[in-house]
Amino acid sequence: MSDNKLSLEKRTVTGKKLAGLRADGFIPSVVYGDGSEPILAQSAYNETEKALRGAGYHSTIDMDIAGKKSMAIVKNVGIDPVSRKILNVEFQTVSANKAVEATTPIVIVNFEESEASKLTHFALTQSIEEIDVKAKPADLPKELTIDAANMKELDDKLTIADLILPAGVELADKELDPEQVVASLYDPAAEAAAREAEAAAAEEAVDAADVPSDNGSKPEESEGEEEGDKKSE
């Protein structure tokens, strides 16, 4: 059983008429999987938003579609780029005994306990925020963690190989390089000093370009004056 539940109704509204459906407080969706025909469905906006927030792309939802029970995961969510409201959802039904693929967040833990953070005041930048995993629905993790407690030197990195995989969970992409970097260190103080140096160098370049020639005027101005004098003569 999942902590996330959602009741849906079958729908016949499609195309341009979906705008009216949304205006009435419903979200259109498509439910597919198990080799059966996709089901066009709809559900109340607030109830759907709550279920999506709880499940994300990594947890299952217990669904009731017109009285028929099923388990599903979220495969895609359409979002309005302006209002940020949910436009539509794609659900994939799954079997409790069959492994499925899902996208799972990566969370770095214990960095504040590391020497890199406490002693040298380095900062951590994360380059991979999520990853696809494969597991039975009940084993799908809400997140995968990497322990950063042992980070010390500036060239220390956290990689795919450092991911802590729970029992029954494996990476979906078998070809993924285990040495691919997930997070690395940088020195905020050094980067700030470098930016200040660049800004100072740019200011010096501007000042040098504005320095007048020996006769008190820019070269092109003096040439113009000489030509003017010759014409007057």
Protein backbone atom coordinates (compact mmCIF):
# COMPACT_ATOMS: atom_id res chain seq x y z
CA MET A 1 0.00 0.00 0.00
CA SER A 2 1.16 3.50 -0.84
CA ASP A 3 0.80 6.62 1.28
CA ASN A 4 -0.24 8.46 -1.89
CA LYS A 5 -3.79 7.93 -3.09
CA LEU A 6 -5.78 9.36 -5.98
CA SER A 7 -9.30 8.86 -7.30
CA LEU A 8 -9.88 9.37 -11.02
CA GLU A 9 -12.80 9.28 -13.40
CA LYS A 10 -12.74 8.26 -17.03
CA ARG A 11 -13.10 11.20 -19.41
CA THR A 12 -14.37 11.74 -22.92
CA VAL A 13 -13.25 15.37 -23.22
CA THR A 14 -10.23 15.90 -25.49
CA GLY A 15 -8.55 18.57 -27.61
CA LYS A 16 -9.62 22.19 -27.19
CA LYS A 17 -12.37 21.20 -24.75
CA LEU A 18 -9.71 20.40 -22.15
CA ALA A 19 -9.50 24.11 -21.34
CA GLY A 20 -13.06 23.96 -20.01
CA LEU A 21 -12.22 20.84 -18.00
CA ARG A 22 -9.30 22.62 -16.36
CA ALA A 23 -11.47 25.69 -15.69
CA ASP A 24 -13.84 23.41 -13.76
CA GLY A 25 -10.99 22.34 -11.46
CA PHE A 26 -9.92 19.05 -13.04
CA ILE A 27 -6.61 17.79 -14.42
CA PRO A 28 -6.70 15.58 -17.53
CA SER A 29 -4.46 12.53 -17.48
CA VAL A 30 -3.53 9.38 -19.37
CA VAL A 31 -3.02 6.05 -17.62
CA TYR A 32 -1.15 3.32 -19.48
CA GLY A 33 0.79 0.13 -18.81
CA ASP A 34 0.53 -3.66 -18.57
CA GLY A 35 0.02 -3.84 -22.33
CA SER A 36 -3.56 -2.55 -22.03
CA GLU A 37 -5.11 0.34 -23.94
CA PRO A 38 -4.37 3.78 -22.45
CA ILE A 39 -7.18 5.19 -20.31
CA LEU A 40 -8.19 8.84 -20.60
CA ALA A 41 -8.90 10.09 -17.09
CA GLN A 42 -9.46 13.18 -15.01
CA SER A 43 -9.11 14.04 -11.33
CA ALA A 44 -9.70 16.97 -8.98
CA TYR A 45 -6.88 19.52 -9.10
CA ASN A 46 -6.15 19.77 -5.36
CA GLU A 47 -6.26 16.01 -4.82
CA THR A 48 -3.98 15.41 -7.80
CA GLU A 49 -1.49 18.07 -6.77
CA LYS A 50 -1.28 16.54 -3.28
CA ALA A 51 -0.65 13.06 -4.68
CA LEU A 52 2.01 14.31 -7.11
CA ARG A 53 3.77 16.26 -4.39
CA GLY A 54 3.92 13.18 -2.18
CA ALA A 55 4.97 10.71 -4.88
CA GLY A 56 7.15 12.78 -7.19
CA TYR A 57 8.71 10.59 -9.87
CA HIS A 58 9.99 8.01 -7.43
CA SER A 59 7.07 6.70 -5.34
CA THR A 60 3.91 4.84 -6.22
CA ILE A 61 0.32 6.08 -6.09
CA ASP A 62 -2.64 3.88 -5.21
CA MET A 63 -5.20 4.78 -7.86
CA ASP A 64 -8.92 4.20 -8.11
CA ILE A 65 -10.13 4.67 -11.69
CA ALA A 66 -13.91 4.48 -11.76
CA GLY A 67 -13.85 1.79 -9.06
CA LYS A 68 -10.92 -0.19 -10.47
CA LYS A 69 -7.86 -0.33 -8.21
CA SER A 70 -4.32 -0.08 -9.56
CA MET A 71 -0.83 1.06 -8.61
CA ALA A 72 1.01 3.62 -10.71
CA ILE A 73 4.03 5.88 -10.89
CA VAL A 74 4.22 9.37 -12.42
CA LYS A 75 6.00 9.42 -15.78
CA ASN A 76 5.42 13.00 -16.90
CA VAL A 77 3.75 16.20 -15.69
CA GLY A 78 2.89 19.09 -17.98
CA ILE A 79 3.27 22.51 -16.33
CA ASP A 80 2.06 25.90 -17.59
CA PRO A 81 5.23 28.02 -18.03
CA VAL A 82 3.49 31.20 -16.83
CA SER A 83 1.03 30.17 -14.10
CA ARG A 84 3.07 27.07 -13.07
CA LYS A 85 -0.19 25.15 -12.74
CA ILE A 86 -0.44 21.47 -13.66
CA LEU A 87 -1.83 20.99 -17.16
CA ASN A 88 -1.79 17.21 -17.57
CA VAL A 89 -0.25 14.05 -16.16
CA GLU A 90 0.94 10.70 -17.53
CA PHE A 91 0.68 7.71 -15.19
CA GLN A 92 2.15 4.25 -15.73
CA THR A 93 0.52 1.34 -13.95
CA VAL A 94 2.94 -1.08 -12.31
CA SER A 95 2.89 -4.52 -10.72
CA ALA A 96 3.94 -4.99 -7.11
CA ASN A 97 6.17 -7.94 -8.08
CA LYS A 98 7.78 -6.46 -11.19
CA ALA A 99 10.75 -4.07 -11.19
CA VAL A 100 10.15 -0.64 -12.71
CA GLU A 101 12.32 2.36 -13.52
CA ALA A 102 11.88 5.65 -11.68
CA THR A 103 13.76 8.93 -11.32
CA THR A 104 15.19 9.46 -7.83
CA PRO A 105 16.74 12.60 -6.26
CA ILE A 106 20.37 12.50 -5.10
CA VAL A 107 21.01 14.05 -1.68
CA ILE A 108 24.46 14.88 -0.30
CA VAL A 109 24.68 14.28 3.45
CA ASN A 110 27.17 15.09 6.24
CA PHE A 111 29.14 17.68 4.26
CA GLU A 112 28.92 20.10 7.19
CA GLU A 113 30.88 17.52 9.24
CA SER A 114 33.77 17.29 6.75
CA GLU A 115 37.18 18.96 7.05
CA ALA A 116 36.52 20.63 3.71
CA SER A 117 33.60 22.50 5.24
CA LYS A 118 34.73 23.04 8.83
CA LEU A 119 38.46 23.76 8.42
CA THR A 120 39.08 25.09 4.91
CA HIS A 121 35.58 26.49 4.33
CA PHE A 122 35.27 24.97 0.88
CA ALA A 123 31.81 24.79 -0.70
CA LEU A 124 30.13 21.96 -2.55
CA THR A 125 28.58 22.15 -6.01
CA GLN A 126 26.31 19.33 -7.18
CA SER A 127 26.31 18.56 -10.91
CA ILE A 128 23.85 15.61 -10.91
CA GLU A 129 20.61 16.17 -9.00
CA GLU A 130 18.75 12.95 -9.84
CA ILE A 131 19.25 9.54 -11.38
CA ASP A 132 17.15 6.68 -12.78
CA VAL A 133 16.93 3.53 -10.67
CA LYS A 134 15.26 0.15 -11.07
CA ALA A 135 13.41 -1.69 -8.30
CA LYS A 136 10.13 -3.25 -7.33
CA PRO A 137 7.55 -0.56 -6.47
CA ALA A 138 7.76 -1.23 -2.73
CA ASP A 139 11.57 -0.84 -2.84
CA LEU A 140 11.70 2.41 -4.80
CA PRO A 141 13.64 4.89 -2.66
CA LYS A 142 12.48 8.45 -2.05
CA GLU A 143 16.11 9.54 -2.47
CA LEU A 144 19.64 8.24 -2.84
CA THR A 145 22.35 9.62 -0.58
CA ILE A 146 26.09 10.20 -0.81
CA ASP A 147 28.12 10.66 2.36
CA ALA A 148 30.45 13.67 2.09
CA ALA A 149 31.88 13.46 5.63
CA ASN A 150 35.36 12.44 4.42
CA MET A 151 35.92 15.28 1.95
CA LYS A 152 39.13 17.22 2.69
CA GLU A 153 41.12 18.45 -0.30
CA LEU A 154 39.97 20.79 -3.07
CA ASP A 155 40.27 18.05 -5.69
CA ASP A 156 38.09 15.59 -3.73
CA LYS A 157 34.98 14.55 -5.65
CA LEU A 158 31.86 12.48 -5.12
CA THR A 159 31.00 10.09 -7.95
CA ILE A 160 28.32 7.65 -9.07
CA ALA A 161 30.31 4.92 -7.32
CA ASP A 162 29.75 6.71 -3.99
CA LEU A 163 25.94 6.42 -4.21
CA ILE A 164 24.42 4.39 -1.40
CA LEU A 165 21.98 1.94 -3.01
CA PRO A 166 19.39 0.34 -0.69
CA ALA A 167 18.70 -3.39 -0.90
CA GLY A 168 16.74 -4.33 -4.01
CA VAL A 169 17.67 -1.11 -5.84
CA GLU A 170 20.02 -0.83 -8.82
CA LEU A 171 20.90 1.85 -11.33
CA ALA A 172 18.74 1.69 -14.45
CA ASP A 173 21.63 2.58 -16.78
CA LYS A 174 24.16 -0.26 -16.65
CA GLU A 175 26.53 1.67 -18.93
CA LEU A 176 26.81 4.65 -16.57
CA ASP A 177 30.43 5.52 -15.74
CA PRO A 178 30.97 4.90 -11.99
CA GLU A 179 33.59 7.67 -11.99
CA GLN A 180 31.14 10.29 -13.31
CA VAL A 181 31.23 13.27 -10.93
CA VAL A 182 28.12 13.97 -8.89
CA ALA A 183 29.54 16.77 -6.72
CA SER A 184 32.86 18.59 -6.31
CA LEU A 185 34.48 21.23 -4.11
CA TYR A 186 35.36 24.84 -4.85
CA ASP A 187 36.94 27.68 -2.87
CA PRO A 188 34.53 30.64 -2.60
CA ALA A 189 37.24 32.97 -1.24
CA ALA A 190 39.64 32.19 -4.08
CA GLU A 191 36.91 32.64 -6.70
CA ALA A 192 35.89 35.98 -5.16
CA ALA A 193 39.52 37.17 -5.21
CA ALA A 194 39.85 36.12 -8.86
CA ARG A 195 36.72 38.07 -9.79
CA GLU A 196 38.02 41.15 -7.97
CA ALA A 197 41.35 40.86 -9.80
CA GLU A 198 39.59 40.61 -13.16
CA ALA A 199 37.45 43.64 -12.36
CA ALA A 200 40.53 45.64 -11.31
CA ALA A 201 42.38 44.68 -14.49
CA ALA A 202 39.39 45.76 -16.59
CA GLU A 203 39.27 49.13 -14.82
CA GLU A 204 42.99 49.65 -15.41
CA ALA A 205 42.53 48.88 -19.11
CA VAL A 206 39.74 51.47 -19.37
CA ASP A 207 41.80 54.08 -17.52
CA ALA A 208 44.79 53.46 -19.81
CA ALA A 209 42.65 53.94 -22.91
CA ASP A 210 41.46 57.31 -21.61
CA VAL A 211 44.97 58.71 -20.86
CA PRO A 212 45.65 61.77 -23.21
CA SER A 213 48.77 62.11 -25.38
CA ASP A 214 51.72 64.41 -24.44
CA ASN A 215 50.19 67.50 -26.03
CA GLY A 216 47.05 67.08 -23.97
CA SER A 217 44.82 65.69 -26.70
CA LYS A 218 44.14 62.30 -28.25
CA PRO A 219 46.22 61.51 -31.40
CA GLU A 220 43.26 61.67 -33.77
CA GLU A 221 42.28 65.06 -32.43
CA SER A 222 45.77 66.53 -33.04
CA GLU A 223 45.83 65.18 -36.58
CA GLY A 224 42.53 66.85 -37.26
CA GLU A 225 43.82 70.13 -35.92
CA GLU A 226 46.93 70.00 -38.14
CA GLU A 227 44.80 69.41 -41.23
CA GLY A 228 42.62 72.33 -40.24
CA ASP A 229 45.68 74.58 -39.87
CA LYS A 230 47.00 73.63 -43.32
CA LYS A 231 43.65 74.49 -44.91
CA SER A 232 43.56 77.89 -43.19
CA GLU A 233 47.00 78.65 -44.49
